[in-house]
């Protein structure tokens, strides 16, 4: 940012005509394009896989998993991850604040051609600086799931990359078995 440029805040987003399809990272407003079908499908499938194992006393009963929560990490970093999770020990009751001021314990960004660089560079840096312990990227075109854990030095450490055919247990949800290929639109003829 130039020296004379003011850092954006939540108040700037609220007054935009495009609201709520905007985020702030590093004090700059970023507009989000409409969700593509593959993107929405992956968000729905992953969220459903995690939630179905938790809301009724299952493996993830210790988590709140939410799609696109407006989350204020700092006054100048306000994001809406595709999926975010909070441990119930840190958030015993689901906070209905808008935006939520408690950093998530896990975030997942589903990549699209229009947002991949922004998610991988801008938002991942923002998440690391805020101390989010776990970050996943789901790529519905490349058909991959990448998981990262935050290192002691504040940098992301790649935990692994998985694709079709892989059945995995990934931090912080080691108790959940995920069939990675089920997150993606079925291949034609499959």
Protein backbone atom coordinates (compact mmCIF):
# COMPACT_ATOMS: atom_id res chain seq x y z
CA UNK A 1 0.00 0.00 0.00
CA UNK A 2 1.14 3.54 -0.61
CA UNK A 3 1.84 5.74 2.39
CA UNK A 4 -1.30 7.83 1.90
CA UNK A 5 -3.64 4.88 1.37
CA UNK A 6 -5.97 4.06 4.29
CA UNK A 7 -6.30 0.42 5.43
CA UNK A 8 -9.80 -0.98 4.90
CA UNK A 9 -11.92 -2.26 7.81
CA UNK A 10 -15.25 -4.04 8.33
CA UNK A 11 -17.07 -0.70 8.02
CA UNK A 12 -15.75 -0.40 4.46
CA UNK A 13 -17.18 -3.80 3.51
CA UNK A 14 -20.57 -3.13 5.04
CA UNK A 15 -21.01 0.00 2.93
CA UNK A 16 -20.10 -1.62 -0.40
CA UNK A 17 -22.87 -2.32 -2.92
CA UNK A 18 -21.17 -5.67 -3.66
CA UNK A 19 -21.33 -6.73 0.00
CA UNK A 20 -21.08 -9.54 1.16
CA UNK A 21 -18.87 -10.80 -1.70
CA UNK A 22 -15.81 -8.90 -0.47
CA UNK A 23 -12.95 -9.67 1.91
CA UNK A 24 -10.09 -7.63 3.33
CA UNK A 25 -6.55 -8.97 3.44
CA UNK A 26 -3.69 -6.71 4.43
CA UNK A 27 -6.04 -3.75 4.53
CA UNK A 28 -7.07 -4.12 0.86
CA UNK A 29 -10.55 -5.03 -0.30
CA UNK A 30 -10.80 -8.09 -2.55
CA UNK A 31 -13.99 -8.91 -4.44
CA UNK A 32 -15.01 -12.52 -4.85
CA UNK A 33 -16.59 -13.81 -8.04
CA UNK A 34 -19.66 -16.01 -8.00
CA UNK A 35 -19.06 -19.64 -7.07
CA UNK A 36 -18.65 -22.13 -9.92
CA UNK A 37 -20.50 -25.43 -9.75
CA UNK A 38 -17.38 -27.58 -9.12
CA UNK A 39 -16.33 -25.21 -6.34
CA UNK A 40 -19.72 -25.30 -4.62
CA UNK A 41 -19.93 -29.07 -5.02
CA UNK A 42 -16.55 -29.58 -3.29
CA UNK A 43 -17.50 -27.23 -0.42
CA UNK A 44 -20.80 -29.06 0.05
CA UNK A 45 -19.25 -32.53 -0.10
CA UNK A 46 -16.41 -31.77 2.33
CA UNK A 47 -18.61 -29.85 4.75
CA UNK A 48 -21.19 -32.63 4.63
CA UNK A 49 -18.58 -35.33 5.22
CA UNK A 50 -17.26 -33.53 8.30
CA UNK A 51 -20.60 -32.40 9.72
CA UNK A 52 -22.32 -35.76 9.28
CA UNK A 53 -19.77 -37.25 11.60
CA UNK A 54 -20.21 -34.65 14.31
CA UNK A 55 -23.56 -33.02 14.96
CA UNK A 56 -25.15 -36.07 16.55
CA UNK A 57 -22.35 -37.03 18.90
CA UNK A 58 -20.09 -38.47 16.22
CA UNK A 59 -16.36 -38.10 15.78
CA UNK A 60 -16.53 -34.35 15.19
CA UNK A 61 -18.92 -33.55 18.02
CA UNK A 62 -16.13 -31.36 19.43
CA UNK A 63 -16.22 -29.01 16.40
CA UNK A 64 -18.31 -26.31 14.79
CA UNK A 65 -17.93 -26.52 10.99
CA UNK A 66 -19.34 -23.52 9.10
CA UNK A 67 -19.42 -22.52 5.42
CA UNK A 68 -18.23 -19.02 4.49
CA UNK A 69 -18.25 -17.39 7.94
CA UNK A 70 -17.30 -13.70 7.93
CA UNK A 71 -14.24 -13.85 10.19
CA UNK A 72 -12.23 -10.86 11.44
CA UNK A 73 -8.67 -12.02 12.10
CA UNK A 74 -7.39 -8.45 12.59
CA UNK A 75 -9.03 -5.06 11.99
CA UNK A 76 -7.57 -5.17 8.46
CA UNK A 77 -7.96 -8.90 7.70
CA UNK A 78 -11.59 -9.96 7.33
CA UNK A 79 -12.15 -13.14 5.37
CA UNK A 80 -14.83 -15.67 4.53
CA UNK A 81 -13.10 -19.03 4.14
CA UNK A 82 -15.04 -21.60 2.14
CA UNK A 83 -15.15 -23.75 5.29
CA UNK A 84 -13.92 -23.03 8.79
CA UNK A 85 -13.92 -24.99 12.01
CA UNK A 86 -13.68 -24.06 15.66
CA UNK A 87 -13.06 -26.50 18.48
CA UNK A 88 -15.96 -26.40 20.91
CA UNK A 89 -13.50 -26.16 23.79
CA UNK A 90 -12.60 -22.69 22.43
CA UNK A 91 -16.13 -21.81 21.26
CA UNK A 92 -18.56 -23.74 23.50
CA UNK A 93 -21.61 -22.05 21.94
CA UNK A 94 -21.76 -21.22 18.26
CA UNK A 95 -21.03 -17.50 18.04
CA UNK A 96 -23.52 -15.63 15.90
CA UNK A 97 -21.48 -12.41 15.75
CA UNK A 98 -21.03 -10.83 12.34
CA UNK A 99 -18.15 -10.92 11.77
CA UNK A 100 -16.78 -13.58 14.13
CA UNK A 101 -13.76 -12.27 16.04
CA UNK A 102 -12.40 -15.66 17.19
CA UNK A 103 -9.82 -17.15 14.83
CA UNK A 104 -10.70 -20.60 13.45
CA UNK A 105 -8.78 -23.75 14.35
CA UNK A 106 -9.03 -24.97 10.75
CA UNK A 107 -9.83 -23.38 7.41
CA UNK A 108 -10.35 -24.81 3.96
CA UNK A 109 -10.21 -22.88 0.72
CA UNK A 110 -11.60 -24.45 -2.44
CA UNK A 111 -9.52 -23.21 -5.35
CA UNK A 112 -10.87 -21.74 -8.58
CA UNK A 113 -8.88 -20.32 -11.50
CA UNK A 114 -9.99 -16.82 -10.46
CA UNK A 115 -8.91 -17.12 -6.80
CA UNK A 116 -6.04 -19.62 -6.58
CA UNK A 117 -3.20 -17.10 -6.33
CA UNK A 118 -5.15 -14.95 -3.86
CA UNK A 119 -6.00 -17.97 -1.66
CA UNK A 120 -2.52 -19.49 -1.78
CA UNK A 121 -0.59 -16.26 -1.28
CA UNK A 122 -2.66 -13.53 0.35
CA UNK A 123 -5.13 -15.47 2.43
CA UNK A 124 -2.74 -18.25 3.48
CA UNK A 125 -0.30 -15.61 4.77
CA UNK A 126 -3.15 -13.90 6.61
CA UNK A 127 -4.19 -17.23 8.21
CA UNK A 128 -0.61 -17.96 9.28
CA UNK A 129 -0.15 -14.51 10.83
CA UNK A 130 -3.42 -14.98 12.76
CA UNK A 131 -2.22 -18.35 14.11
CA UNK A 132 -4.75 -20.63 12.38
CA UNK A 133 -3.24 -24.07 13.08
CA UNK A 134 -4.54 -26.00 10.03
CA UNK A 135 -5.17 -25.00 6.41
CA UNK A 136 -6.51 -27.17 3.60
CA UNK A 137 -6.73 -26.41 -0.12
CA UNK A 138 -9.15 -28.39 -2.25
CA UNK A 139 -8.67 -28.14 -6.01
CA UNK A 140 -11.76 -29.44 -7.84
CA UNK A 141 -10.11 -29.13 -11.27
CA UNK A 142 -6.80 -30.76 -10.30
CA UNK A 143 -8.76 -33.13 -8.02
CA UNK A 144 -6.40 -32.71 -5.07
CA UNK A 145 -6.60 -32.02 -1.37
CA UNK A 146 -3.53 -30.38 0.23
CA UNK A 147 -3.17 -30.05 3.99
CA UNK A 148 -0.83 -27.73 5.87
CA UNK A 149 0.00 -27.35 9.55
CA UNK A 150 1.33 -24.12 11.03
CA UNK A 151 4.93 -24.53 12.19
CA UNK A 152 6.43 -22.96 15.29
CA UNK A 153 8.09 -20.37 13.06
CA UNK A 154 4.69 -19.25 11.72
CA UNK A 155 5.19 -20.87 8.32
CA UNK A 156 3.04 -23.50 6.69
CA UNK A 157 4.35 -27.08 6.65
CA UNK A 158 2.91 -29.36 3.98
CA UNK A 159 1.35 -32.40 5.65
CA UNK A 160 0.44 -34.06 2.36
CA UNK A 161 -1.29 -33.99 -1.00
CA UNK A 162 -3.98 -36.51 -1.89
CA UNK A 163 -6.18 -37.20 -4.91
CA UNK A 164 -8.74 -39.63 -6.37
CA UNK A 165 -8.51 -43.10 -4.87
CA UNK A 166 -6.87 -41.89 -1.65
CA UNK A 167 -8.69 -42.59 1.61
CA UNK A 168 -7.05 -40.54 4.35
CA UNK A 169 -7.17 -39.23 7.89
CA UNK A 170 -5.82 -35.68 8.01
CA UNK A 171 -5.11 -33.32 10.92
CA UNK A 172 -7.01 -31.91 12.65
CA UNK A 173 -9.64 -34.53 11.78
CA UNK A 174 -7.56 -37.69 12.16
CA UNK A 175 -10.60 -39.61 13.40
CA UNK A 176 -12.48 -38.99 10.16
CA UNK A 177 -11.82 -41.18 7.15
CA UNK A 178 -12.17 -39.15 3.95
CA UNK A 179 -12.38 -40.61 0.46
CA UNK A 180 -10.78 -37.73 -1.44
CA UNK A 181 -12.33 -38.59 -4.81
CA UNK A 182 -15.82 -38.18 -3.32
CA UNK A 183 -15.18 -34.43 -2.90
CA UNK A 184 -15.16 -33.91 -6.66
CA UNK A 185 -17.72 -34.01 -9.44
CA UNK A 186 -17.73 -37.60 -10.72
CA UNK A 187 -15.67 -38.11 -13.86
CA UNK A 188 -17.70 -38.74 -16.99
CA UNK A 189 -18.23 -42.43 -17.50
CA UNK A 190 -17.45 -43.05 -13.81
